[in-house]
């Protein structure tokens, strides 16, 4: 969301994406670094893409139907 946030993360840190289990179109997520820095994120996934993501891919989604 904020280009200045790029400087808050180094290449040596681990990150976690908070809120992925409840991801929805247009809903923000939070990235938390191993140093405890929290950075808001946006995404462009639509409902179908989120369904694919949660299933582990489009092929997994299609094979279940």
PDB file of N, CA and C in Angstrom:
ATOM      1  N   UNK A   1       0.825  -1.195   0.000  1.00  0.00           N
ATOM      2  CA  UNK A   1       0.000   0.000   0.000  1.00  0.00           C
ATOM      3  C   UNK A   1       0.870   1.259   0.000  1.00  0.00           C
ATOM      4  N   UNK A   2       1.916   1.222   0.809  1.00  0.00           N
ATOM      5  CA  UNK A   2       2.763   2.389   0.948  1.00  0.00           C
ATOM      6  C   UNK A   2       4.170   2.045   0.463  1.00  0.00           C
ATOM      7  N   UNK A   3       4.641   2.678  -0.594  1.00  0.00           N
ATOM      8  CA  UNK A   3       5.975   2.364  -1.112  1.00  0.00           C
ATOM      9  C   UNK A   3       7.090   2.528  -0.075  1.00  0.00           C
ATOM     10  N   UNK A   4       6.909   3.391   0.914  1.00  0.00           N
ATOM     11  CA  UNK A   4       7.923   3.562   1.958  1.00  0.00           C
ATOM     12  C   UNK A   4       8.078   2.314   2.818  1.00  0.00           C
ATOM     13  N   UNK A   5       7.066   1.441   2.827  1.00  0.00           N
ATOM     14  CA  UNK A   5       7.133   0.216   3.623  1.00  0.00           C
ATOM     15  C   UNK A   5       8.174  -0.767   3.092  1.00  0.00           C
ATOM     16  N   UNK A   6       8.540  -0.651   1.818  1.00  0.00           N
ATOM     17  CA  UNK A   6       9.554  -1.547   1.254  1.00  0.00           C
ATOM     18  C   UNK A   6      10.858  -1.470   2.045  1.00  0.00           C
ATOM     19  N   UNK A   7      11.182  -0.298   2.547  1.00  0.00           N
ATOM     20  CA  UNK A   7      12.424  -0.112   3.289  1.00  0.00           C
ATOM     21  C   UNK A   7      12.364  -0.669   4.701  1.00  0.00           C
ATOM     22  N   UNK A   8      11.205  -1.101   5.144  1.00  0.00           N
ATOM     23  CA  UNK A   8      11.047  -1.634   6.497  1.00  0.00           C
ATOM     24  C   UNK A   8      11.375  -3.126   6.585  1.00  0.00           C
ATOM     25  N   UNK A   9      11.612  -3.760   5.452  1.00  0.00           N
ATOM     26  CA  UNK A   9      11.862  -5.192   5.416  1.00  0.00           C
ATOM     27  C   UNK A   9      13.203  -5.442   4.743  1.00  0.00           C
ATOM     28  N   UNK A  10      14.040  -6.228   5.411  1.00  0.00           N
ATOM     29  CA  UNK A  10      15.327  -6.584   4.801  1.00  0.00           C
ATOM     30  C   UNK A  10      15.214  -7.966   4.173  1.00  0.00           C
ATOM     31  N   UNK A  11      16.181  -8.339   3.387  1.00  0.00           N
ATOM     32  CA  UNK A  11      16.172  -9.645   2.734  1.00  0.00           C
ATOM     33  C   UNK A  11      16.474 -10.793   3.668  1.00  0.00           C
ATOM     34  N   UNK A  12      16.808 -10.489   4.911  1.00  0.00           N
ATOM     35  CA  UNK A  12      17.181 -11.533   5.878  1.00  0.00           C
ATOM     36  C   UNK A  12      16.075 -11.852   6.869  1.00  0.00           C
ATOM     37  N   UNK A  13      14.901 -11.283   6.666  1.00  0.00           N
ATOM     38  CA  UNK A  13      13.816 -11.497   7.619  1.00  0.00           C
ATOM     39  C   UNK A  13      12.829 -12.553   7.122  1.00  0.00           C
ATOM     40  N   UNK A  14      12.185 -13.170   8.063  1.00  0.00           N
ATOM     41  CA  UNK A  14      11.055 -14.044   7.762  1.00  0.00           C
ATOM     42  C   UNK A  14       9.805 -13.182   7.863  1.00  0.00           C
ATOM     43  N   UNK A  15       8.808 -13.515   7.067  1.00  0.00           N
ATOM     44  CA  UNK A  15       7.545 -12.783   7.134  1.00  0.00           C
ATOM     45  C   UNK A  15       6.390 -13.756   7.310  1.00  0.00           C
ATOM     46  N   UNK A  16       5.332 -13.254   7.895  1.00  0.00           N
ATOM     47  CA  UNK A  16       4.063 -13.978   7.995  1.00  0.00           C
ATOM     48  C   UNK A  16       2.993 -13.077   7.417  1.00  0.00           C
ATOM     49  N   UNK A  17       2.028 -13.688   6.746  1.00  0.00           N
ATOM     50  CA  UNK A  17       0.893 -12.942   6.227  1.00  0.00           C
ATOM     51  C   UNK A  17      -0.298 -13.280   7.121  1.00  0.00           C
ATOM     52  N   UNK A  18      -0.759 -12.290   7.850  1.00  0.00           N
ATOM     53  CA  UNK A  18      -1.864 -12.483   8.787  1.00  0.00           C
ATOM     54  C   UNK A  18      -3.189 -12.269   8.066  1.00  0.00           C
ATOM     55  N   UNK A  19      -4.167 -13.107   8.362  1.00  0.00           N
ATOM     56  CA  UNK A  19      -5.491 -12.958   7.783  1.00  0.00           C
ATOM     57  C   UNK A  19      -5.735 -13.769   6.525  1.00  0.00           C
ATOM     58  N   UNK A  20      -4.766 -14.602   6.126  1.00  0.00           N
ATOM     59  CA  UNK A  20      -4.924 -15.370   4.881  1.00  0.00           C
ATOM     60  C   UNK A  20      -6.105 -16.334   4.964  1.00  0.00           C
ATOM     61  N   UNK A  21      -6.343 -16.920   6.125  1.00  0.00           N
ATOM     62  CA  UNK A  21      -7.460 -17.863   6.245  1.00  0.00           C
ATOM     63  C   UNK A  21      -8.804 -17.204   5.973  1.00  0.00           C
ATOM     64  N   UNK A  22      -8.878 -15.897   6.227  1.00  0.00           N
ATOM     65  CA  UNK A  22     -10.129 -15.164   6.055  1.00  0.00           C
ATOM     66  C   UNK A  22     -10.069 -14.207   4.871  1.00  0.00           C
ATOM     67  N   UNK A  23      -9.192 -14.482   3.919  1.00  0.00           N
ATOM     68  CA  UNK A  23      -9.008 -13.581   2.783  1.00  0.00           C
ATOM     69  C   UNK A  23     -10.311 -13.415   2.001  1.00  0.00           C
ATOM     70  N   UNK A  24     -10.587 -12.179   1.624  1.00  0.00           N
ATOM     71  CA  UNK A  24     -11.775 -11.838   0.847  1.00  0.00           C
ATOM     72  C   UNK A  24     -11.382 -10.773  -0.169  1.00  0.00           C
ATOM     73  N   UNK A  25     -12.094 -10.693  -1.281  1.00  0.00           N
ATOM     74  CA  UNK A  25     -11.805  -9.643  -2.246  1.00  0.00           C
ATOM     75  C   UNK A  25     -11.872  -8.263  -1.588  1.00  0.00           C
ATOM     76  N   UNK A  26     -10.852  -7.468  -1.815  1.00  0.00           N
ATOM     77  CA  UNK A  26     -10.834  -6.109  -1.296  1.00  0.00           C
ATOM     78  C   UNK A  26     -10.458  -5.963   0.167  1.00  0.00           C
ATOM     79  N   UNK A  27     -10.314  -7.069   0.882  1.00  0.00           N
ATOM     80  CA  UNK A  27      -9.974  -7.001   2.304  1.00  0.00           C
ATOM     81  C   UNK A  27      -8.460  -6.975   2.469  1.00  0.00           C
ATOM     82  N   UNK A  28      -7.974  -6.070   3.300  1.00  0.00           N
ATOM     83  CA  UNK A  28      -6.541  -5.969   3.541  1.00  0.00           C
ATOM     84  C   UNK A  28      -6.008  -7.164   4.307  1.00  0.00           C
ATOM     85  N   UNK A  29      -4.737  -7.431   4.097  1.00  0.00           N
ATOM     86  CA  UNK A  29      -4.002  -8.415   4.878  1.00  0.00           C
ATOM     87  C   UNK A  29      -2.892  -7.657   5.606  1.00  0.00           C
ATOM     88  N   UNK A  30      -2.265  -8.297   6.569  1.00  0.00           N
ATOM     89  CA  UNK A  30      -1.153  -7.691   7.302  1.00  0.00           C
ATOM     90  C   UNK A  30       0.065  -8.594   7.164  1.00  0.00           C
ATOM     91  N   UNK A  31       1.190  -7.999   6.786  1.00  0.00           N
ATOM     92  CA  UNK A  31       2.457  -8.722   6.778  1.00  0.00           C
ATOM     93  C   UNK A  31       3.179  -8.375   8.075  1.00  0.00           C
ATOM     94  N   UNK A  32       3.636  -9.403   8.789  1.00  0.00           N
ATOM     95  CA  UNK A  32       4.403  -9.183  10.004  1.00  0.00           C
ATOM     96  C   UNK A  32       5.799  -9.755   9.803  1.00  0.00           C
ATOM     97  N   UNK A  33       6.810  -8.930  10.059  1.00  0.00           N
ATOM     98  CA  UNK A  33       8.186  -9.380   9.890  1.00  0.00           C
ATOM     99  C   UNK A  33       8.666 -10.066  11.164  1.00  0.00           C
ATOM    100  N   UNK A  34       9.791 -10.765  11.050  1.00  0.00           N
ATOM    101  CA  UNK A  34      10.351 -11.435  12.221  1.00  0.00           C
ATOM    102  C   UNK A  34      10.813 -10.437  13.278  1.00  0.00           C
ATOM    103  N   UNK A  35      10.915  -9.159  12.917  1.00  0.00           N
ATOM    104  CA  UNK A  35      11.254  -8.116  13.887  1.00  0.00           C
ATOM    105  C   UNK A  35      10.009  -7.479  14.492  1.00  0.00           C
ATOM    106  N   UNK A  36       8.823  -7.983  14.138  1.00  0.00           N
ATOM    107  CA  UNK A  36       7.573  -7.490  14.715  1.00  0.00           C
ATOM    108  C   UNK A  36       6.959  -6.302  14.000  1.00  0.00           C
ATOM    109  N   UNK A  37       7.518  -5.920  12.856  1.00  0.00           N
ATOM    110  CA  UNK A  37       6.957  -4.805  12.090  1.00  0.00           C
ATOM    111  C   UNK A  37       5.722  -5.306  11.348  1.00  0.00           C
ATOM    112  N   UNK A  38       4.617  -4.583  11.464  1.00  0.00           N
ATOM    113  CA  UNK A  38       3.376  -4.949  10.773  1.00  0.00           C
ATOM    114  C   UNK A  38       3.110  -3.949   9.656  1.00  0.00           C
ATOM    115  N   UNK A  39       2.859  -4.478   8.471  1.00  0.00           N
ATOM    116  CA  UNK A  39       2.659  -3.651   7.287  1.00  0.00           C
ATOM    117  C   UNK A  39       1.360  -4.066   6.607  1.00  0.00           C
ATOM    118  N   UNK A  40       0.432  -3.129   6.385  1.00  0.00           N
ATOM    119  CA  UNK A  40      -0.815  -3.473   5.691  1.00  0.00           C
ATOM    120  C   UNK A  40      -0.548  -3.754   4.207  1.00  0.00           C
ATOM    121  N   UNK A  41      -1.251  -4.732   3.680  1.00  0.00           N
ATOM    122  CA  UNK A  41      -1.120  -5.140   2.280  1.00  0.00           C
ATOM    123  C   UNK A  41      -2.472  -5.120   1.601  1.00  0.00           C
ATOM    124  N   UNK A  42      -2.454  -4.886   0.313  1.00  0.00           N
ATOM    125  CA  UNK A  42      -3.649  -5.055  -0.498  1.00  0.00           C
ATOM    126  C   UNK A  42      -3.403  -6.206  -1.463  1.00  0.00           C
ATOM    127  N   UNK A  43      -4.461  -6.753  -2.014  1.00  0.00           N
ATOM    128  CA  UNK A  43      -4.335  -7.813  -3.018  1.00  0.00           C
ATOM    129  C   UNK A  43      -5.401  -7.590  -4.080  1.00  0.00           C
ATOM    130  N   UNK A  44      -5.251  -8.274  -5.190  1.00  0.00           N
ATOM    131  CA  UNK A  44      -6.196  -8.103  -6.297  1.00  0.00           C
ATOM    132  C   UNK A  44      -6.950  -9.396  -6.612  1.00  0.00           C
ATOM    133  N   UNK A  45      -6.939 -10.351  -5.689  1.00  0.00           N
ATOM    134  CA  UNK A  45      -7.603 -11.623  -5.940  1.00  0.00           C
ATOM    135  C   UNK A  45      -9.118 -11.469  -5.921  1.00  0.00           C
ATOM    136  N   UNK A  46      -9.777 -12.131  -6.880  1.00  0.00           N
ATOM    137  CA  UNK A  46     -11.241 -12.156  -6.872  1.00  0.00           C
ATOM    138  C   UNK A  46     -11.698 -13.449  -6.185  1.00  0.00           C
ATOM    139  N   UNK A  47     -12.997 -13.645  -6.077  1.00  0.00           N
ATOM    140  CA  UNK A  47     -13.517 -14.807  -5.338  1.00  0.00           C
ATOM    141  C   UNK A  47     -13.051 -16.130  -5.945  1.00  0.00           C
ATOM    142  N   UNK A  48     -13.049 -16.236  -7.273  1.00  0.00           N
ATOM    143  CA  UNK A  48     -12.616 -17.478  -7.913  1.00  0.00           C
ATOM    144  C   UNK A  48     -11.135 -17.740  -7.647  1.00  0.00           C
ATOM    145  N   UNK A  49     -10.312 -16.726  -7.730  1.00  0.00           N
ATOM    146  CA  UNK A  49      -8.886 -16.895  -7.468  1.00  0.00           C
ATOM    147  C   UNK A  49      -8.630 -17.275  -6.013  1.00  0.00           C
ATOM    148  N   UNK A  50      -9.412 -16.727  -5.103  1.00  0.00           N
ATOM    149  CA  UNK A  50      -9.276 -17.088  -3.692  1.00  0.00           C
ATOM    150  C   UNK A  50      -9.662 -18.547  -3.490  1.00  0.00           C
ATOM    151  N   UNK A  51     -10.712 -18.995  -4.161  1.00  0.00           N
ATOM    152  CA  UNK A  51     -11.117 -20.406  -4.086  1.00  0.00           C
ATOM    153  C   UNK A  51      -9.977 -21.299  -4.573  1.00  0.00           C
ATOM    154  N   UNK A  52      -9.356 -20.926  -5.689  1.00  0.00           N
ATOM    155  CA  UNK A  52      -8.222 -21.699  -6.213  1.00  0.00           C
ATOM    156  C   UNK A  52      -7.070 -21.700  -5.217  1.00  0.00           C
ATOM    157  N   UNK A  53      -6.757 -20.546  -4.660  1.00  0.00           N
ATOM    158  CA  UNK A  53      -5.666 -20.421  -3.694  1.00  0.00           C
ATOM    159  C   UNK A  53      -5.896 -21.339  -2.497  1.00  0.00           C
ATOM    160  N   UNK A  54      -7.098 -21.307  -1.947  1.00  0.00           N
ATOM    161  CA  UNK A  54      -7.405 -22.129  -0.773  1.00  0.00           C
ATOM    162  C   UNK A  54      -7.368 -23.619  -1.090  1.00  0.00           C
ATOM    163  N   UNK A  55      -7.663 -23.978  -2.334  1.00  0.00           N
ATOM    164  CA  UNK A  55      -7.650 -25.390  -2.736  1.00  0.00           C
ATOM    165  C   UNK A  55      -6.256 -25.858  -3.149  1.00  0.00           C
ATOM    166  N   UNK A  56      -5.309 -24.933  -3.251  1.00  0.00           N
ATOM    167  CA  UNK A  56      -3.965 -25.308  -3.669  1.00  0.00           C
ATOM    168  C   UNK A  56      -3.760 -25.239  -5.171  1.00  0.00           C
ATOM    169  N   UNK A  57      -4.695 -24.631  -5.874  1.00  0.00           N
ATOM    170  CA  UNK A  57      -4.568 -24.459  -7.315  1.00  0.00           C
ATOM    171  C   UNK A  57      -5.880 -24.699  -8.030  1.00  0.00           C
ATOM    172  N   UNK A  58      -5.948 -24.209  -9.260  1.00  0.00           N
ATOM    173  CA  UNK A  58      -7.172 -24.335 -10.051  1.00  0.00           C
ATOM    174  C   UNK A  58      -7.502 -25.790 -10.348  1.00  0.00           C
ATOM    175  N   UNK A  59      -6.477 -26.594 -10.614  1.00  0.00           N
ATOM    176  CA  UNK A  59      -6.719 -28.006 -10.953  1.00  0.00           C
ATOM    177  C   UNK A  59      -7.368 -28.722  -9.769  1.00  0.00           C
ATOM    178  N   UNK A  60      -6.912 -28.434  -8.536  1.00  0.00           N
ATOM    179  CA  UNK A  60      -7.517 -29.049  -7.372  1.00  0.00           C
ATOM    180  C   UNK A  60      -8.984 -28.647  -7.230  1.00  0.00           C
ATOM    181  N   UNK A  61      -9.283 -27.390  -7.508  1.00  0.00           N
ATOM    182  CA  UNK A  61     -10.663 -26.916  -7.431  1.00  0.00           C
ATOM    183  C   UNK A  61     -11.528 -27.624  -8.471  1.00  0.00           C
ATOM    184  N   UNK A  62     -11.056 -27.699  -9.692  1.00  0.00           N
ATOM    185  CA  UNK A  62     -11.806 -28.330 -10.771  1.00  0.00           C
ATOM    186  C   UNK A  62     -12.005 -29.820 -10.509  1.00  0.00           C
ATOM    187  N   UNK A  63     -10.988 -30.493  -9.986  1.00  0.00           N
ATOM    188  CA  UNK A  63     -11.093 -31.933  -9.763  1.00  0.00           C
ATOM    189  C   UNK A  63     -12.086 -32.298  -8.676  1.00  0.00           C
ATOM    190  N   UNK A  64     -12.380 -31.345  -7.782  1.00  0.00           N
ATOM    191  CA  UNK A  64     -13.358 -31.597  -6.710  1.00  0.00           C
ATOM    192  C   UNK A  64     -14.788 -31.480  -7.208  1.00  0.00           C
ATOM    193  N   UNK A  65     -14.991 -30.860  -8.375  1.00  0.00           N
ATOM    194  CA  UNK A  65     -16.356 -30.620  -8.865  1.00  0.00           C
ATOM    195  C   UNK A  65     -16.838 -31.728  -9.736  1.00  0.00           C
TER     196      UNK A  65
END
